[in-house]
Amino acid sequence: MAAKRGTDEMRDRVVLGEFGVRNVHTTDFPGNYPGYEDAWDRRRFEEAFRVDIIREEEGALEFDMVGIDAAIANAFRRILLAEVPTMAVEKVFVYNNTSIVQDEILAHRLGLIPIRADPRLFEYRNEGDEEGTEIDTLQFQLKIKCSRNPQAAKESSDPNELYFNHKVYSKHMTWVPLGNQTDLFPDGDFRPVHDDILIALLRPGQEIDVLMHCVKGIGKDHAKFSPVATASYRLLPDITLLQPIEDEAAEMLQKCFSPGVIEIQNIKGKKVARVANARLDTFSREVFRHEGLKNLVRLARVRNHYILGN
């Protein structure tokens, strides 16, 4: 039984030690372990594989993929970064720009502003097309001019009091329907994802007047089309207490891990440590710095359980 437990650990866990990491390579290929059926089987894969949505927010998604290898998890990460289409500013027509920001820098900044628009509603623009159409282009206008506030106190030095429109934000971008887009998208609420992205600073008399064309694209062509700020994955942490840890040792153990990983319970007047949520840990391995604790804890990661999030 001990030999089988050791084999299972080698197959299923990546073990973190004080000075190294063991079992880093996948070894469950056919014939490597006598008594184990490791030949790929579709039915067995379907039974073991699952996707669990852990956290879904407007700007973040965290989900688990269980029963796969690193190659599949990495493929999903790369797809999120490079192959999921979005809409982004592709062309900027500058009619007037007297701000301190040069035209090309302004165009670059506008291109990186994320646009709230469902790319499934649009077609890819054909290469070489100079003019956009209602089926492949979204048009935005940014027209703003800074002026002095005549009601501002003379002794004031605060630009927010002295000037009107001295900060140009993404909220100042307005959708200008092309062709019959008003009929195609009667509920179209096309706008930047965030209203508070600072584009430029102006002073009285300075103005910006530009027209933008947004097209459908993928991150592989340009980073501005990537729908995620970052996409990464990690293996699910697995923390095992090898024996009861009590009182001062329990409090010290709690400090060795990220908040929420170790909790202390009061059992018969004693403070007893238990693993509450290993998922929260970043595995700093701080526990191995303490002689009285390092042999009481086993740190590992579940080899086929991937946490993906941005």
Protein backbone atom coordinates (compact mmCIF):
# COMPACT_ATOMS: atom_id res chain seq x y z
CA MET A 1 0.00 0.00 0.00
CA ALA A 2 2.85 2.38 0.82
CA ALA A 3 4.36 1.72 -2.60
CA LYS A 4 1.01 2.43 -4.27
CA ARG A 5 0.63 5.68 -2.32
CA GLY A 6 4.09 6.71 -3.45
CA THR A 7 3.23 5.89 -7.05
CA ASP A 8 -0.04 7.79 -6.84
CA GLU A 9 1.77 10.81 -5.44
CA MET A 10 4.32 10.67 -8.25
CA ARG A 11 1.53 10.50 -10.83
CA ASP A 12 -0.92 12.98 -9.33
CA ARG A 13 1.06 15.53 -7.31
CA VAL A 14 3.84 18.04 -7.89
CA VAL A 15 5.57 18.17 -4.50
CA LEU A 16 7.29 21.31 -3.23
CA GLY A 17 10.22 20.77 -0.90
CA GLU A 18 12.50 23.08 1.00
CA PHE A 19 15.16 23.14 -1.72
CA GLY A 20 13.41 21.85 -4.81
CA VAL A 21 10.31 20.60 -6.58
CA ARG A 22 9.64 16.91 -7.29
CA ASN A 23 7.50 15.13 -9.85
CA VAL A 24 7.45 18.06 -12.24
CA HIS A 25 7.07 15.93 -15.37
CA THR A 26 3.95 14.09 -16.49
CA THR A 27 4.71 10.38 -16.39
CA ASP A 28 1.32 8.71 -16.78
CA PHE A 29 1.87 7.49 -20.32
CA PRO A 30 0.98 3.92 -21.40
CA GLY A 31 3.22 1.20 -19.98
CA ASN A 32 5.16 3.39 -17.57
CA TYR A 33 3.37 2.11 -14.45
CA PRO A 34 2.50 -1.59 -14.20
CA GLY A 35 -1.09 -2.10 -13.15
CA TYR A 36 -2.28 1.31 -14.38
CA GLU A 37 -4.35 1.72 -17.53
CA ASP A 38 -2.99 4.93 -19.01
CA ALA A 39 -3.93 4.45 -22.66
CA TRP A 40 -6.12 7.34 -23.74
CA ASP A 41 -9.80 6.48 -23.64
CA ARG A 42 -12.51 8.88 -24.73
CA ARG A 43 -15.11 7.64 -22.28
CA ARG A 44 -12.71 7.82 -19.35
CA PHE A 45 -11.61 11.31 -20.38
CA GLU A 46 -15.21 12.55 -20.61
CA GLU A 47 -15.96 11.19 -17.14
CA ALA A 48 -12.90 12.83 -15.57
CA PHE A 49 -12.91 16.16 -17.41
CA ARG A 50 -14.91 19.08 -16.06
CA VAL A 51 -14.97 22.87 -16.05
CA ASP A 52 -16.01 24.74 -12.90
CA ILE A 53 -16.78 28.47 -12.97
CA ILE A 54 -15.40 29.84 -9.71
CA ARG A 55 -15.77 33.59 -10.11
CA GLU A 56 -17.50 35.57 -12.84
CA GLU A 57 -17.47 39.35 -12.73
CA GLU A 58 -17.76 42.05 -15.34
CA GLY A 59 -14.01 42.46 -15.59
CA ALA A 60 -12.73 39.09 -14.41
CA LEU A 61 -13.33 35.37 -14.85
CA GLU A 62 -11.82 32.52 -12.87
CA PHE A 63 -12.52 28.91 -13.73
CA ASP A 64 -11.06 25.46 -13.12
CA MET A 65 -10.25 22.83 -15.73
CA VAL A 66 -9.87 19.37 -14.23
CA GLY A 67 -8.63 16.21 -15.93
CA ILE A 68 -6.29 17.71 -18.54
CA ASP A 69 -2.58 18.17 -19.15
CA ALA A 70 -0.62 21.41 -19.19
CA ALA A 71 -0.65 21.52 -22.99
CA ILE A 72 -4.45 21.87 -23.06
CA ALA A 73 -4.50 24.48 -20.28
CA ASN A 74 -1.83 26.47 -22.10
CA ALA A 75 -3.80 26.22 -25.34
CA PHE A 76 -6.79 27.85 -23.64
CA ARG A 77 -4.53 30.57 -22.25
CA ARG A 78 -3.12 31.32 -25.70
CA ILE A 79 -6.58 31.29 -27.27
CA LEU A 80 -7.78 33.87 -24.73
CA LEU A 81 -4.81 36.09 -25.49
CA ALA A 82 -4.63 35.80 -29.25
CA GLU A 83 -7.68 34.26 -30.91
CA VAL A 84 -10.82 35.67 -29.27
CA PRO A 85 -12.10 38.55 -31.46
CA THR A 86 -12.98 42.01 -30.19
CA MET A 87 -13.61 45.46 -31.64
CA ALA A 88 -10.88 48.11 -31.45
CA VAL A 89 -9.99 51.43 -33.05
CA GLU A 90 -8.15 50.79 -36.31
CA LYS A 91 -8.23 54.15 -38.10
CA VAL A 92 -8.20 57.66 -36.67
CA PHE A 93 -9.08 60.65 -38.85
CA VAL A 94 -7.62 63.77 -37.24
CA TYR A 95 -9.48 66.94 -38.23
CA ASN A 96 -8.00 69.11 -35.51
CA ASN A 97 -5.60 68.43 -32.67
CA THR A 98 -4.00 71.38 -30.91
CA SER A 99 -3.25 69.46 -27.72
CA ILE A 100 0.29 68.71 -26.59
CA VAL A 101 -0.21 65.07 -27.63
CA GLN A 102 1.10 64.39 -31.14
CA ASP A 103 -1.34 62.99 -33.69
CA GLU A 104 0.32 59.58 -33.92
CA ILE A 105 0.53 59.22 -30.12
CA LEU A 106 -3.12 60.24 -29.79
CA ALA A 107 -4.12 57.64 -32.39
CA HIS A 108 -2.14 54.98 -30.54
CA ARG A 109 -3.80 55.84 -27.22
CA LEU A 110 -7.24 55.71 -28.80
CA GLY A 111 -6.46 52.31 -30.30
CA LEU A 112 -5.78 50.82 -26.88
CA ILE A 113 -9.14 51.88 -25.38
CA PRO A 114 -11.34 48.76 -25.02
CA ILE A 115 -14.67 49.05 -26.81
CA ARG A 116 -17.90 47.59 -25.43
CA ALA A 117 -19.34 45.90 -28.52
CA ASP A 118 -20.24 42.30 -29.30
CA PRO A 119 -17.90 41.28 -32.15
CA ARG A 120 -20.34 38.55 -33.21
CA LEU A 121 -22.56 41.29 -34.62
CA PHE A 122 -19.90 42.34 -37.12
CA GLU A 123 -17.90 40.89 -39.99
CA TYR A 124 -14.15 41.13 -40.48
CA ARG A 125 -13.23 43.99 -42.76
CA ASN A 126 -11.76 42.82 -46.05
CA GLU A 127 -8.10 43.60 -46.52
CA GLY A 128 -7.65 46.65 -48.69
CA ASP A 129 -11.07 48.14 -47.97
CA GLU A 130 -10.60 51.86 -47.40
CA GLU A 131 -14.13 52.70 -46.33
CA GLY A 132 -16.01 50.92 -43.59
CA THR A 133 -19.60 49.74 -43.84
CA GLU A 134 -22.36 49.21 -41.31
CA ILE A 135 -21.60 45.46 -41.12
CA ASP A 136 -17.88 45.71 -40.37
CA THR A 137 -17.20 49.10 -38.77
CA LEU A 138 -18.16 51.10 -35.70
CA GLN A 139 -17.62 54.84 -35.86
CA PHE A 140 -16.86 57.04 -32.87
CA GLN A 141 -16.30 60.77 -32.62
CA LEU A 142 -14.22 62.66 -30.10
CA LYS A 143 -14.79 66.40 -30.28
CA ILE A 144 -13.93 68.52 -27.27
CA LYS A 145 -12.51 71.98 -26.58
CA CYS A 146 -11.10 73.43 -23.39
CA SER A 147 -12.25 76.83 -22.17
CA ARG A 148 -11.67 79.01 -19.14
CA ASN A 149 -14.20 79.09 -16.30
CA PRO A 150 -15.25 82.74 -15.85
CA GLN A 151 -16.67 81.94 -12.42
CA ALA A 152 -13.41 80.56 -11.02
CA ALA A 153 -11.87 82.31 -8.02
CA LYS A 154 -8.93 84.52 -8.98
CA GLU A 155 -6.66 83.04 -6.34
CA SER A 156 -7.44 79.45 -7.39
CA SER A 157 -4.70 77.32 -8.96
CA ASP A 158 -6.77 74.16 -9.31
CA PRO A 159 -7.24 73.25 -13.00
CA ASN A 160 -10.54 71.58 -12.13
CA GLU A 161 -11.86 75.00 -11.05
CA LEU A 162 -10.08 77.13 -13.64
CA TYR A 163 -11.03 75.23 -16.81
CA PHE A 164 -13.86 73.40 -18.49
CA ASN A 165 -13.07 70.14 -20.35
CA HIS A 166 -9.39 70.26 -19.50
CA LYS A 167 -9.32 66.47 -19.09
CA VAL A 168 -10.28 64.36 -22.09
CA TYR A 169 -11.70 61.01 -21.02
CA SER A 170 -12.93 57.97 -22.89
CA LYS A 171 -16.48 58.94 -21.85
CA HIS A 172 -16.26 61.81 -24.33
CA MET A 173 -16.18 59.31 -27.21
CA THR A 174 -19.63 59.08 -28.81
CA TRP A 175 -20.96 56.50 -31.23
CA VAL A 176 -21.86 57.84 -34.69
CA PRO A 177 -23.97 55.25 -36.58
CA LEU A 178 -22.80 54.30 -40.05
CA GLY A 179 -25.35 53.65 -42.78
CA ASN A 180 -28.41 51.94 -41.33
CA GLN A 181 -26.78 50.92 -38.04
CA THR A 182 -29.53 52.74 -36.16
CA ASP A 183 -31.98 50.19 -37.57
CA LEU A 184 -29.58 47.25 -37.30
CA PHE A 185 -28.76 47.96 -33.66
CA PRO A 186 -31.76 49.77 -32.12
CA ASP A 187 -30.48 48.89 -28.65
CA GLY A 188 -26.85 49.42 -29.54
CA ASP A 189 -25.00 50.79 -26.54
CA PHE A 190 -21.59 50.96 -28.15
CA ARG A 191 -19.08 52.79 -26.00
CA PRO A 192 -15.72 52.38 -24.25
CA VAL A 193 -15.65 49.71 -21.55
CA HIS A 194 -14.42 52.27 -19.01
CA ASP A 195 -15.48 55.91 -18.92
CA ASP A 196 -12.54 57.20 -16.91
CA ILE A 197 -9.58 56.45 -19.21
CA LEU A 198 -7.58 59.67 -19.47
CA ILE A 199 -6.69 60.44 -23.09
CA ALA A 200 -5.17 63.93 -22.96
CA LEU A 201 -4.93 67.18 -20.99
CA LEU A 202 -5.99 70.47 -22.56
CA ARG A 203 -5.64 74.15 -21.80
CA PRO A 204 -7.95 77.00 -22.89
CA GLY A 205 -8.12 77.22 -26.67
CA GLN A 206 -6.84 73.71 -27.28
CA GLU A 207 -9.16 71.17 -28.84
CA ILE A 208 -9.35 67.66 -30.25
CA ASP A 209 -11.60 66.72 -33.15
CA VAL A 210 -11.15 63.17 -34.44
CA LEU A 211 -13.22 60.42 -36.02
CA MET A 212 -12.45 56.77 -35.25
CA HIS A 213 -13.23 53.58 -37.11
CA CYS A 214 -13.38 50.39 -35.02
CA VAL A 215 -13.03 47.02 -36.71
CA LYS A 216 -13.09 43.38 -35.68
CA GLY A 217 -9.76 41.68 -35.02
CA ILE A 218 -7.81 39.23 -32.87
CA GLY A 219 -4.88 39.64 -30.52
CA LYS A 220 -2.61 37.64 -32.82
CA ASP A 221 -2.78 40.55 -35.27
CA HIS A 222 -2.43 43.34 -32.70
CA ALA A 223 -2.44 43.45 -28.90
CA LYS A 224 -5.21 46.07 -28.91
CA PHE A 225 -7.65 43.32 -29.98
CA SER A 226 -6.75 41.05 -27.06
CA PRO A 227 -9.83 40.78 -24.79
CA VAL A 228 -7.84 40.10 -21.62
CA ALA A 229 -5.31 42.18 -19.74
CA THR A 230 -3.57 38.94 -18.87
CA ALA A 231 -4.40 35.25 -18.90
CA SER A 232 -2.59 32.72 -16.76
CA TYR A 233 -3.01 29.35 -15.15
CA ARG A 234 -1.69 27.58 -12.07
CA LEU A 235 -2.07 24.19 -10.47
CA LEU A 236 -4.46 23.78 -7.55
CA PRO A 237 -2.53 23.91 -4.24
CA ASP A 238 -2.75 20.91 -1.93
CA ILE A 239 -1.65 21.44 1.69
CA THR A 240 -1.58 18.53 4.13
CA LEU A 241 -0.89 18.78 7.86
CA LEU A 242 1.00 15.60 8.77
CA GLN A 243 0.11 15.82 12.46
CA PRO A 244 -1.91 18.08 14.78
CA ILE A 245 -0.42 21.57 15.18
CA GLU A 246 -1.57 23.42 18.26
CA ASP A 247 -1.34 26.68 20.23
CA GLU A 248 1.69 28.87 19.40
CA ALA A 249 2.78 26.56 16.61
CA ALA A 250 -0.69 26.86 15.07
CA GLU A 251 -0.52 30.66 15.15
CA MET A 252 2.95 30.60 13.60
CA LEU A 253 1.74 28.22 10.89
CA GLN A 254 -1.15 30.55 10.05
CA LYS A 255 1.29 33.41 9.47
CA CYS A 256 3.32 31.31 7.03
CA PHE A 257 0.50 31.18 4.48
CA SER A 258 -1.69 33.64 2.62
CA PRO A 259 -4.72 34.99 4.52
CA GLY A 260 -7.58 32.51 4.61
CA VAL A 261 -5.49 29.40 3.95
CA ILE A 262 -5.06 28.27 7.56
CA GLU A 263 -7.71 28.76 10.20
CA ILE A 264 -7.44 28.15 13.93
CA GLN A 265 -10.17 26.29 15.78
CA ASN A 266 -10.69 26.08 19.51
CA ILE A 267 -10.93 22.40 20.42
CA LYS A 268 -11.10 21.48 24.10
CA GLY A 269 -9.36 24.67 25.09
CA LYS A 270 -6.54 24.30 22.57
CA LYS A 271 -5.89 26.27 19.41
CA VAL A 272 -5.72 23.76 16.58
CA ALA A 273 -4.71 24.61 13.01
CA ARG A 274 -6.55 23.26 9.99
CA VAL A 275 -6.40 23.90 6.27
CA ALA A 276 -9.40 26.08 5.40
CA ASN A 277 -8.80 26.98 1.75
CA ALA A 278 -5.54 25.87 0.15
CA ARG A 279 -6.63 27.46 -3.12
CA LEU A 280 -5.77 30.93 -1.80
CA ASP A 281 -2.11 30.17 -1.21
CA THR A 282 0.72 31.39 -3.43
CA PHE A 283 3.21 28.83 -2.08
CA SER A 284 5.93 31.12 -0.82
CA ARG A 285 7.24 28.10 1.15
CA GLU A 286 7.73 30.35 4.16
CA VAL A 287 6.88 27.38 6.39
CA PHE A 288 10.19 25.71 5.48
CA ARG A 289 12.08 28.50 7.23
CA HIS A 290 10.79 27.32 10.61
CA GLU A 291 12.50 24.26 12.04
CA GLY A 292 9.54 23.35 14.22
CA LEU A 293 7.08 23.40 11.33
CA LYS A 294 8.80 22.34 8.13
CA ASN A 295 8.45 18.61 8.82
CA LEU A 296 4.79 18.90 9.82
CA VAL A 297 3.43 20.13 6.49
CA ARG A 298 3.41 18.73 2.98
CA LEU A 299 3.03 21.19 0.11
CA ALA A 300 1.95 19.94 -3.29
CA ARG A 301 -0.04 20.86 -6.36
CA VAL A 302 -2.65 18.71 -8.07
CA ARG A 303 -1.16 17.82 -11.43
CA ASN A 304 -4.34 17.74 -13.53
CA HIS A 305 -6.31 20.55 -11.83
CA TYR A 306 -5.71 23.94 -13.44
CA ILE A 307 -6.93 27.30 -12.21
CA LEU A 308 -7.31 29.75 -15.07
CA GLY A 309 -7.95 33.41 -14.50
CA ASN A 310 -6.96 36.90 -15.51
